[in-house]
Amino acid sequence: MSPIAAQAAFRAAARASQSAGRRNFSVLNSMRGFARSFESHPFERLPAATRSQSADWGRQVKRVGSQTAIFLPFFAAILGWPYAARLAVGDHV
């Protein structure tokens, strides 16, 4: 094969591989990929062979109870200080 024919064949193969590797740019596809990147878990079907884990209600009650023990006194202090001030100084407020 002559060097000129080999060079032409090489260029034709390179052009064919470049055009096959390109995909058209789609704003919709790029926005969809961007939105899916915010998912906290991969989007896929749940397996039917395994059962889902049962809820741990004791842990949930403990979590809510500890949060309640912190938030209720805090909000009582924030919302109740005007009433406590009125009781402390009388009707002069």
PDB file of N, CA and C in Angstrom:
ATOM      1  N   MET A   1       0.859  -1.162   0.000  1.00  0.00           N
ATOM      2  CA  MET A   1       0.000   0.000   0.000  1.00  0.00           C
ATOM      3  C   MET A   1       0.909   1.230   0.000  1.00  0.00           C
ATOM      4  N   SER A   2       0.521   2.195  -0.794  1.00  0.00           N
ATOM      5  CA  SER A   2       1.341   3.395  -0.882  1.00  0.00           C
ATOM      6  C   SER A   2       1.146   4.257   0.358  1.00  0.00           C
ATOM      7  N   PRO A   3       2.123   5.058   0.725  1.00  0.00           N
ATOM      8  CA  PRO A   3       2.001   5.919   1.898  1.00  0.00           C
ATOM      9  C   PRO A   3       0.863   6.924   1.769  1.00  0.00           C
ATOM     10  N   ILE A   4       0.579   7.385   0.578  1.00  0.00           N
ATOM     11  CA  ILE A   4      -0.498   8.357   0.398  1.00  0.00           C
ATOM     12  C   ILE A   4      -1.841   7.694   0.650  1.00  0.00           C
ATOM     13  N   ALA A   5      -2.036   6.479   0.147  1.00  0.00           N
ATOM     14  CA  ALA A   5      -3.290   5.753   0.350  1.00  0.00           C
ATOM     15  C   ALA A   5      -3.448   5.371   1.825  1.00  0.00           C
ATOM     16  N   ALA A   6      -2.346   5.001   2.467  1.00  0.00           N
ATOM     17  CA  ALA A   6      -2.406   4.648   3.877  1.00  0.00           C
ATOM     18  C   ALA A   6      -2.771   5.865   4.719  1.00  0.00           C
ATOM     19  N   GLN A   7      -2.197   7.022   4.371  1.00  0.00           N
ATOM     20  CA  GLN A   7      -2.501   8.236   5.105  1.00  0.00           C
ATOM     21  C   GLN A   7      -3.973   8.624   4.917  1.00  0.00           C
ATOM     22  N   ALA A   8      -4.504   8.482   3.730  1.00  0.00           N
ATOM     23  CA  ALA A   8      -5.901   8.799   3.457  1.00  0.00           C
ATOM     24  C   ALA A   8      -6.827   7.854   4.219  1.00  0.00           C
ATOM     25  N   ALA A   9      -6.469   6.575   4.257  1.00  0.00           N
ATOM     26  CA  ALA A   9      -7.281   5.604   4.992  1.00  0.00           C
ATOM     27  C   ALA A   9      -7.250   5.898   6.492  1.00  0.00           C
ATOM     28  N   PHE A  10      -6.079   6.284   6.991  1.00  0.00           N
ATOM     29  CA  PHE A  10      -5.949   6.620   8.411  1.00  0.00           C
ATOM     30  C   PHE A  10      -6.802   7.835   8.769  1.00  0.00           C
ATOM     31  N   ARG A  11      -6.778   8.864   7.912  1.00  0.00           N
ATOM     32  CA  ARG A  11      -7.589  10.065   8.167  1.00  0.00           C
ATOM     33  C   ARG A  11      -9.084   9.748   8.108  1.00  0.00           C
ATOM     34  N   ALA A  12      -9.493   8.914   7.167  1.00  0.00           N
ATOM     35  CA  ALA A  12     -10.908   8.548   7.063  1.00  0.00           C
ATOM     36  C   ALA A  12     -11.357   7.774   8.298  1.00  0.00           C
ATOM     37  N   ALA A  13     -10.500   6.883   8.791  1.00  0.00           N
ATOM     38  CA  ALA A  13     -10.836   6.121   9.998  1.00  0.00           C
ATOM     39  C   ALA A  13     -10.898   7.035  11.220  1.00  0.00           C
ATOM     40  N   ALA A  14     -10.001   8.010  11.286  1.00  0.00           N
ATOM     41  CA  ALA A  14      -9.999   8.939  12.412  1.00  0.00           C
ATOM     42  C   ALA A  14     -11.262   9.799  12.402  1.00  0.00           C
ATOM     43  N   ARG A  15     -11.677  10.277  11.209  1.00  0.00           N
ATOM     44  CA  ARG A  15     -12.904  11.072  11.114  1.00  0.00           C
ATOM     45  C   ARG A  15     -14.130  10.242  11.483  1.00  0.00           C
ATOM     46  N   ALA A  16     -14.162   9.002  11.082  1.00  0.00           N
ATOM     47  CA  ALA A  16     -15.301   8.141  11.392  1.00  0.00           C
ATOM     48  C   ALA A  16     -15.395   7.879  12.886  1.00  0.00           C
ATOM     49  N   SER A  17     -14.256   7.669  13.544  1.00  0.00           N
ATOM     50  CA  SER A  17     -14.297   7.404  14.989  1.00  0.00           C
ATOM     51  C   SER A  17     -14.658   8.662  15.774  1.00  0.00           C
ATOM     52  N   GLN A  18     -14.253   9.848  15.282  1.00  0.00           N
ATOM     53  CA  GLN A  18     -14.600  11.090  15.970  1.00  0.00           C
ATOM     54  C   GLN A  18     -16.097  11.370  15.873  1.00  0.00           C
ATOM     55  N   SER A  19     -16.669  11.156  14.704  1.00  0.00           N
ATOM     56  CA  SER A  19     -18.095  11.449  14.548  1.00  0.00           C
ATOM     57  C   SER A  19     -18.949  10.418  15.280  1.00  0.00           C
ATOM     58  N   ALA A  20     -18.486   9.193  15.394  1.00  0.00           N
ATOM     59  CA  ALA A  20     -19.244   8.164  16.109  1.00  0.00           C
ATOM     60  C   ALA A  20     -19.180   8.397  17.612  1.00  0.00           C
ATOM     61  N   GLY A  21     -18.110   9.010  18.109  1.00  0.00           N
ATOM     62  CA  GLY A  21     -17.952   9.235  19.536  1.00  0.00           C
ATOM     63  C   GLY A  21     -18.712  10.439  20.057  1.00  0.00           C
ATOM     64  N   ARG A  22     -19.121  11.319  19.182  1.00  0.00           N
ATOM     65  CA  ARG A  22     -19.839  12.524  19.598  1.00  0.00           C
ATOM     66  C   ARG A  22     -21.325  12.241  19.703  1.00  0.00           C
ATOM     67  N   ARG A  23     -21.929  12.885  20.701  1.00  0.00           N
ATOM     68  CA  ARG A  23     -23.384  12.842  20.810  1.00  0.00           C
ATOM     69  C   ARG A  23     -23.891  14.270  20.772  1.00  0.00           C
ATOM     70  N   ASN A  24     -25.087  14.437  20.316  1.00  0.00           N
ATOM     71  CA  ASN A  24     -25.661  15.778  20.274  1.00  0.00           C
ATOM     72  C   ASN A  24     -25.885  16.274  21.689  1.00  0.00           C
ATOM     73  N   PHE A  25     -25.639  17.564  21.910  1.00  0.00           N
ATOM     74  CA  PHE A  25     -25.842  18.178  23.215  1.00  0.00           C
ATOM     75  C   PHE A  25     -27.323  18.447  23.405  1.00  0.00           C
ATOM     76  N   SER A  26     -27.842  18.016  24.530  1.00  0.00           N
ATOM     77  CA  SER A  26     -29.249  18.239  24.834  1.00  0.00           C
ATOM     78  C   SER A  26     -29.347  18.925  26.194  1.00  0.00           C
ATOM     79  N   VAL A  27     -29.990  20.070  26.228  1.00  0.00           N
ATOM     80  CA  VAL A  27     -30.172  20.791  27.484  1.00  0.00           C
ATOM     81  C   VAL A  27     -31.035  19.972  28.436  1.00  0.00           C
ATOM     82  N   LEU A  28     -32.039  19.302  27.891  1.00  0.00           N
ATOM     83  CA  LEU A  28     -32.930  18.501  28.727  1.00  0.00           C
ATOM     84  C   LEU A  28     -32.169  17.360  29.406  1.00  0.00           C
ATOM     85  N   ASN A  29     -31.318  16.673  28.655  1.00  0.00           N
ATOM     86  CA  ASN A  29     -30.544  15.585  29.256  1.00  0.00           C
ATOM     87  C   ASN A  29     -29.554  16.104  30.281  1.00  0.00           C
ATOM     88  N   SER A  30     -28.934  17.227  30.027  1.00  0.00           N
ATOM     89  CA  SER A  30     -27.979  17.755  31.000  1.00  0.00           C
ATOM     90  C   SER A  30     -28.695  18.240  32.255  1.00  0.00           C
ATOM     91  N   MET A  31     -29.885  18.839  32.115  1.00  0.00           N
ATOM     92  CA  MET A  31     -30.649  19.258  33.294  1.00  0.00           C
ATOM     93  C   MET A  31     -31.135  18.053  34.082  1.00  0.00           C
ATOM     94  N   ARG A  32     -31.511  16.996  33.397  1.00  0.00           N
ATOM     95  CA  ARG A  32     -31.951  15.781  34.077  1.00  0.00           C
ATOM     96  C   ARG A  32     -30.800  15.178  34.869  1.00  0.00           C
ATOM     97  N   GLY A  33     -29.625  15.112  34.283  1.00  0.00           N
ATOM     98  CA  GLY A  33     -28.462  14.609  35.009  1.00  0.00           C
ATOM     99  C   GLY A  33     -28.093  15.478  36.195  1.00  0.00           C
ATOM    100  N   PHE A  34     -28.229  16.801  36.031  1.00  0.00           N
ATOM    101  CA  PHE A  34     -27.946  17.722  37.129  1.00  0.00           C
ATOM    102  C   PHE A  34     -28.935  17.524  38.273  1.00  0.00           C
ATOM    103  N   ALA A  35     -30.205  17.372  37.952  1.00  0.00           N
ATOM    104  CA  ALA A  35     -31.218  17.170  38.993  1.00  0.00           C
ATOM    105  C   ALA A  35     -31.031  15.833  39.694  1.00  0.00           C
ATOM    106  N   ARG A  36     -30.647  14.805  38.957  1.00  0.00           N
ATOM    107  CA  ARG A  36     -30.454  13.489  39.571  1.00  0.00           C
ATOM    108  C   ARG A  36     -29.206  13.449  40.435  1.00  0.00           C
ATOM    109  N   SER A  37     -28.286  14.372  40.235  1.00  0.00           N
ATOM    110  CA  SER A  37     -27.092  14.397  41.074  1.00  0.00           C
ATOM    111  C   SER A  37     -27.418  14.827  42.499  1.00  0.00           C
ATOM    112  N   PHE A  38     -28.581  15.459  42.721  1.00  0.00           N
ATOM    113  CA  PHE A  38     -28.985  15.875  44.058  1.00  0.00           C
ATOM    114  C   PHE A  38     -29.677  14.769  44.837  1.00  0.00           C
ATOM    115  N   GLU A  39     -29.967  13.640  44.200  1.00  0.00           N
ATOM    116  CA  GLU A  39     -30.621  12.547  44.908  1.00  0.00           C
ATOM    117  C   GLU A  39     -29.670  11.969  45.941  1.00  0.00           C
ATOM    118  N   SER A  40     -30.217  11.657  47.104  1.00  0.00           N
ATOM    119  CA  SER A  40     -29.376  11.130  48.164  1.00  0.00           C
ATOM    120  C   SER A  40     -29.089   9.650  47.973  1.00  0.00           C
ATOM    121  N   HIS A  41     -29.766   9.016  47.058  1.00  0.00           N
ATOM    122  CA  HIS A  41     -29.573   7.598  46.796  1.00  0.00           C
ATOM    123  C   HIS A  41     -29.737   7.358  45.304  1.00  0.00           C
ATOM    124  N   PRO A  42     -29.170   6.290  44.817  1.00  0.00           N
ATOM    125  CA  PRO A  42     -29.341   6.018  43.388  1.00  0.00           C
ATOM    126  C   PRO A  42     -30.785   5.636  43.081  1.00  0.00           C
ATOM    127  N   PHE A  43     -31.255   6.056  41.938  1.00  0.00           N
ATOM    128  CA  PHE A  43     -32.630   5.794  41.541  1.00  0.00           C
ATOM    129  C   PHE A  43     -32.678   4.430  40.870  1.00  0.00           C
ATOM    130  N   GLU A  44     -33.242   3.473  41.540  1.00  0.00           N
ATOM    131  CA  GLU A  44     -33.329   2.132  40.974  1.00  0.00           C
ATOM    132  C   GLU A  44     -34.467   1.381  41.643  1.00  0.00           C
ATOM    133  N   ARG A  45     -34.853   0.280  41.078  1.00  0.00           N
ATOM    134  CA  ARG A  45     -35.930  -0.528  41.639  1.00  0.00           C
ATOM    135  C   ARG A  45     -35.445  -1.265  42.879  1.00  0.00           C
ATOM    136  N   LEU A  46     -36.351  -1.471  43.801  1.00  0.00           N
ATOM    137  CA  LEU A  46     -36.011  -2.243  44.987  1.00  0.00           C
ATOM    138  C   LEU A  46     -36.023  -3.725  44.636  1.00  0.00           C
ATOM    139  N   PRO A  47     -35.112  -4.497  45.184  1.00  0.00           N
ATOM    140  CA  PRO A  47     -35.098  -5.920  44.856  1.00  0.00           C
ATOM    141  C   PRO A  47     -36.309  -6.623  45.465  1.00  0.00           C
ATOM    142  N   ALA A  48     -36.879  -7.540  44.700  1.00  0.00           N
ATOM    143  CA  ALA A  48     -38.055  -8.266  45.172  1.00  0.00           C
ATOM    144  C   ALA A  48     -37.655  -9.493  45.988  1.00  0.00           C
ATOM    145  N   ALA A  49     -36.387  -9.889  45.935  1.00  0.00           N
ATOM    146  CA  ALA A  49     -35.960 -11.109  46.616  1.00  0.00           C
ATOM    147  C   ALA A  49     -35.751 -10.892  48.109  1.00  0.00           C
ATOM    148  N   THR A  50     -35.508  -9.663  48.526  1.00  0.00           N
ATOM    149  CA  THR A  50     -35.242  -9.410  49.944  1.00  0.00           C
ATOM    150  C   THR A  50     -36.391  -8.631  50.550  1.00  0.00           C
ATOM    151  N   ARG A  51     -36.638  -8.869  51.816  1.00  0.00           N
ATOM    152  CA  ARG A  51     -37.677  -8.138  52.529  1.00  0.00           C
ATOM    153  C   ARG A  51     -37.091  -6.847  53.083  1.00  0.00           C
ATOM    154  N   SER A  52     -37.927  -5.837  53.185  1.00  0.00           N
ATOM    155  CA  SER A  52     -37.453  -4.582  53.749  1.00  0.00           C
ATOM    156  C   SER A  52     -37.311  -4.730  55.258  1.00  0.00           C
ATOM    157  N   GLN A  53     -36.403  -3.970  55.812  1.00  0.00           N
ATOM    158  CA  GLN A  53     -36.127  -4.048  57.238  1.00  0.00           C
ATOM    159  C   GLN A  53     -37.267  -3.397  58.015  1.00  0.00           C
ATOM    160  N   SER A  54     -37.627  -3.998  59.125  1.00  0.00           N
ATOM    161  CA  SER A  54     -38.711  -3.450  59.940  1.00  0.00           C
ATOM    162  C   SER A  54     -38.225  -2.199  60.670  1.00  0.00           C
ATOM    163  N   ALA A  55     -39.184  -1.364  61.051  1.00  0.00           N
ATOM    164  CA  ALA A  55     -38.850  -0.102  61.711  1.00  0.00           C
ATOM    165  C   ALA A  55     -38.423  -0.355  63.152  1.00  0.00           C
ATOM    166  N   ASP A  56     -37.457   0.431  63.613  1.00  0.00           N
ATOM    167  CA  ASP A  56     -36.985   0.351  64.996  1.00  0.00           C
ATOM    168  C   ASP A  56     -37.686   1.451  65.781  1.00  0.00           C
ATOM    169  N   TRP A  57     -38.887   1.136  66.301  1.00  0.00           N
ATOM    170  CA  TRP A  57     -39.704   2.143  66.954  1.00  0.00           C
ATOM    171  C   TRP A  57     -39.105   2.602  68.266  1.00  0.00           C
ATOM    172  N   GLY A  58     -38.396   1.734  68.956  1.00  0.00           N
ATOM    173  CA  GLY A  58     -37.745   2.147  70.198  1.00  0.00           C
ATOM    174  C   GLY A  58     -36.724   3.241  69.969  1.00  0.00           C
ATOM    175  N   ARG A  59     -35.964   3.104  68.917  1.00  0.00           N
ATOM    176  CA  ARG A  59     -34.963   4.115  68.581  1.00  0.00           C
ATOM    177  C   ARG A  59     -35.628   5.433  68.195  1.00  0.00           C
ATOM    178  N   GLN A  60     -36.745   5.344  67.444  1.00  0.00           N
ATOM    179  CA  GLN A  60     -37.453   6.551  67.047  1.00  0.00           C
ATOM    180  C   GLN A  60     -38.023   7.289  68.262  1.00  0.00           C
ATOM    181  N   VAL A  61     -38.602   6.541  69.211  1.00  0.00           N
ATOM    182  CA  VAL A  61     -39.163   7.156  70.412  1.00  0.00           C
ATOM    183  C   VAL A  61     -38.061   7.811  71.235  1.00  0.00           C
ATOM    184  N   LYS A  62     -36.914   7.152  71.335  1.00  0.00           N
ATOM    185  CA  LYS A  62     -35.789   7.720  72.079  1.00  0.00           C
ATOM    186  C   LYS A  62     -35.295   9.012  71.422  1.00  0.00           C
ATOM    187  N   ARG A  63     -35.223   9.027  70.101  1.00  0.00           N
ATOM    188  CA  ARG A  63     -34.763  10.213  69.377  1.00  0.00           C
ATOM    189  C   ARG A  63     -35.733  11.374  69.570  1.00  0.00           C
ATOM    190  N   VAL A  64     -37.016  11.114  69.409  1.00  0.00           N
ATOM    191  CA  VAL A  64     -38.006  12.182  69.557  1.00  0.00           C
ATOM    192  C   VAL A  64     -38.058  12.656  71.006  1.00  0.00           C
ATOM    193  N   GLY A  65     -37.933  11.736  71.946  1.00  0.00           N
ATOM    194  CA  GLY A  65     -37.948  12.121  73.355  1.00  0.00           C
ATOM    195  C   GLY A  65     -36.774  12.996  73.736  1.00  0.00           C
ATOM    196  N   SER A  66     -35.586  12.678  73.236  1.00  0.00           N
ATOM    197  CA  SER A  66     -34.416  13.504  73.563  1.00  0.00           C
ATOM    198  C   SER A  66     -34.522  14.883  72.915  1.00  0.00           C
ATOM    199  N   GLN A  67     -35.064  14.956  71.696  1.00  0.00           N
ATOM    200  CA  GLN A  67     -35.250  16.261  71.061  1.00  0.00           C
ATOM    201  C   GLN A  67     -36.296  17.093  71.802  1.00  0.00           C
ATOM    202  N   THR A  68     -37.344  16.425  72.268  1.00  0.00           N
ATOM    203  CA  THR A  68     -38.384  17.135  73.018  1.00  0.00           C
ATOM    204  C   THR A  68     -37.837  17.665  74.329  1.00  0.00           C
ATOM    205  N   ALA A  69     -36.981  16.890  74.984  1.00  0.00           N
ATOM    206  CA  ALA A  69     -36.406  17.326  76.254  1.00  0.00           C
ATOM    207  C   ALA A  69     -35.523  18.558  76.086  1.00  0.00           C
ATOM    208  N   ILE A  70     -34.967  18.756  74.918  1.00  0.00           N
ATOM    209  CA  ILE A  70     -34.128  19.930  74.670  1.00  0.00           C
ATOM    210  C   ILE A  70     -34.960  21.108  74.176  1.00  0.00           C
ATOM    211  N   PHE A  71     -35.867  20.864  73.231  1.00  0.00           N
ATOM    212  CA  PHE A  71     -36.575  21.961  72.590  1.00  0.00           C
ATOM    213  C   PHE A  71     -37.672  22.568  73.453  1.00  0.00           C
ATOM    214  N   LEU A  72     -38.404  21.777  74.209  1.00  0.00           N
ATOM    215  CA  LEU A  72     -39.501  22.342  74.997  1.00  0.00           C
ATOM    216  C   LEU A  72     -39.034  23.371  76.024  1.00  0.00           C
ATOM    217  N   PRO A  73     -38.012  23.099  76.840  1.00  0.00           N
ATOM    218  CA  PRO A  73     -37.555  24.160  77.752  1.00  0.00           C
ATOM    219  C   PRO A  73     -37.009  25.388  77.023  1.00  0.00           C
ATOM    220  N   PHE A  74     -36.338  25.172  75.903  1.00  0.00           N
ATOM    221  CA  PHE A  74     -35.805  26.297  75.130  1.00  0.00           C
ATOM    222  C   PHE A  74     -36.932  27.195  74.633  1.00  0.00           C
ATOM    223  N   PHE A  75     -37.946  26.592  74.010  1.00  0.00           N
ATOM    224  CA  PHE A  75     -39.062  27.393  73.513  1.00  0.00           C
ATOM    225  C   PHE A  75     -39.885  27.986  74.635  1.00  0.00           C
ATOM    226  N   ALA A  76     -39.989  27.301  75.757  1.00  0.00           N
ATOM    227  CA  ALA A  76     -40.696  27.886  76.895  1.00  0.00           C
ATOM    228  C   ALA A  76     -39.973  29.132  77.390  1.00  0.00           C
ATOM    229  N   ALA A  77     -38.655  29.105  77.408  1.00  0.00           N
ATOM    230  CA  ALA A  77     -37.896  30.284  77.830  1.00  0.00           C
ATOM    231  C   ALA A  77     -38.020  31.414  76.811  1.00  0.00           C
ATOM    232  N   ILE A  78     -37.949  31.092  75.527  1.00  0.00           N
ATOM    233  CA  ILE A  78     -38.038  32.118  74.492  1.00  0.00           C
ATOM    234  C   ILE A  78     -39.424  32.763  74.468  1.00  0.00           C
ATOM    235  N   LEU A  79     -40.458  31.944  74.543  1.00  0.00           N
ATOM    236  CA  LEU A  79     -41.807  32.488  74.435  1.00  0.00           C
ATOM    237  C   LEU A  79     -42.390  32.920  75.782  1.00  0.00           C
ATOM    238  N   GLY A  80     -41.825  32.432  76.885  1.00  0.00           N
ATOM    239  CA  GLY A  80     -42.410  32.727  78.181  1.00  0.00           C
ATOM    240  C   GLY A  80     -41.747  33.827  78.965  1.00  0.00           C
ATOM    241  N   TRP A  81     -40.675  34.428  78.460  1.00  0.00           N
ATOM    242  CA  TRP A  81     -39.999  35.455  79.250  1.00  0.00           C
ATOM    243  C   TRP A  81     -40.859  36.695  79.475  1.00  0.00           C
ATOM    244  N   PRO A  82     -41.743  37.092  78.561  1.00  0.00           N
ATOM    245  CA  PRO A  82     -42.573  38.258  78.890  1.00  0.00           C
ATOM    246  C   PRO A  82     -43.515  37.989  80.071  1.00  0.00           C
ATOM    247  N   TYR A  83     -44.068  36.799  80.130  1.00  0.00           N
ATOM    248  CA  TYR A  83     -44.943  36.454  81.250  1.00  0.00           C
ATOM    249  C   TYR A  83     -44.148  36.401  82.550  1.00  0.00           C
ATOM    250  N   ALA A  84     -42.937  35.827  82.497  1.00  0.00           N
ATOM    251  CA  ALA A  84     -42.102  35.770  83.701  1.00  0.00           C
ATOM    252  C   ALA A  84     -41.688  37.174  84.146  1.00  0.00           C
ATOM    253  N   ALA A  85     -41.431  38.058  83.219  1.00  0.00           N
ATOM    254  CA  ALA A  85     -41.080  39.448  83.572  1.00  0.00           C
ATOM    255  C   ALA A  85     -42.266  40.149  84.204  1.00  0.00           C
ATOM    256  N   ARG A  86     -43.465  39.893  83.704  1.00  0.00           N
ATOM    257  CA  ARG A  86     -44.662  40.511  84.286  1.00  0.00           C
ATOM    258  C   ARG A  86     -44.881  40.024  85.711  1.00  0.00           C
ATOM    259  N   LEU A  87     -44.635  38.731  85.948  1.00  0.00           N
ATOM    260  CA  LEU A  87     -44.777  38.197  87.302  1.00  0.00           C
ATOM    261  C   LEU A  87     -43.710  38.768  88.235  1.00  0.00           C
ATOM    262  N   ALA A  88     -42.523  39.031  87.698  1.00  0.00           N
ATOM    263  CA  ALA A  88     -41.418  39.506  88.528  1.00  0.00           C
ATOM    264  C   ALA A  88     -41.581  40.973  88.928  1.00  0.00           C
ATOM    265  N   VAL A  89     -41.999  41.827  88.008  1.00  0.00           N
ATOM    266  CA  VAL A  89     -42.071  43.258  88.312  1.00  0.00           C
ATOM    267  C   VAL A  89     -43.500  43.762  88.470  1.00  0.00           C
ATOM    268  N   GLY A  90     -44.472  42.930  88.272  1.00  0.00           N
ATOM    269  CA  GLY A  90     -45.857  43.352  88.414  1.00  0.00           C
ATOM    270  C   GLY A  90     -46.380  43.991  87.154  1.00  0.00           C
ATOM    271  N   ASP A  91     -47.334  44.905  87.317  1.00  0.00           N
ATOM    272  CA  ASP A  91     -47.979  45.538  86.165  1.00  0.00           C
ATOM    273  C   ASP A  91     -47.270  46.809  85.711  1.00  0.00           C
ATOM    274  N   HIS A  92     -46.032  46.998  86.098  1.00  0.00           N
ATOM    275  CA  HIS A  92     -45.311  48.222  85.735  1.00  0.00           C
ATOM    276  C   HIS A  92     -44.597  48.105  84.389  1.00  0.00           C
ATOM    277  N   VAL A  93     -44.758  46.989  83.689  1.00  0.00           N
ATOM    278  CA  VAL A  93     -44.078  46.788  82.410  1.00  0.00           C
ATOM    279  C   VAL A  93     -44.871  47.418  81.300  1.00  0.00           C
TER     280      VAL A  93
END
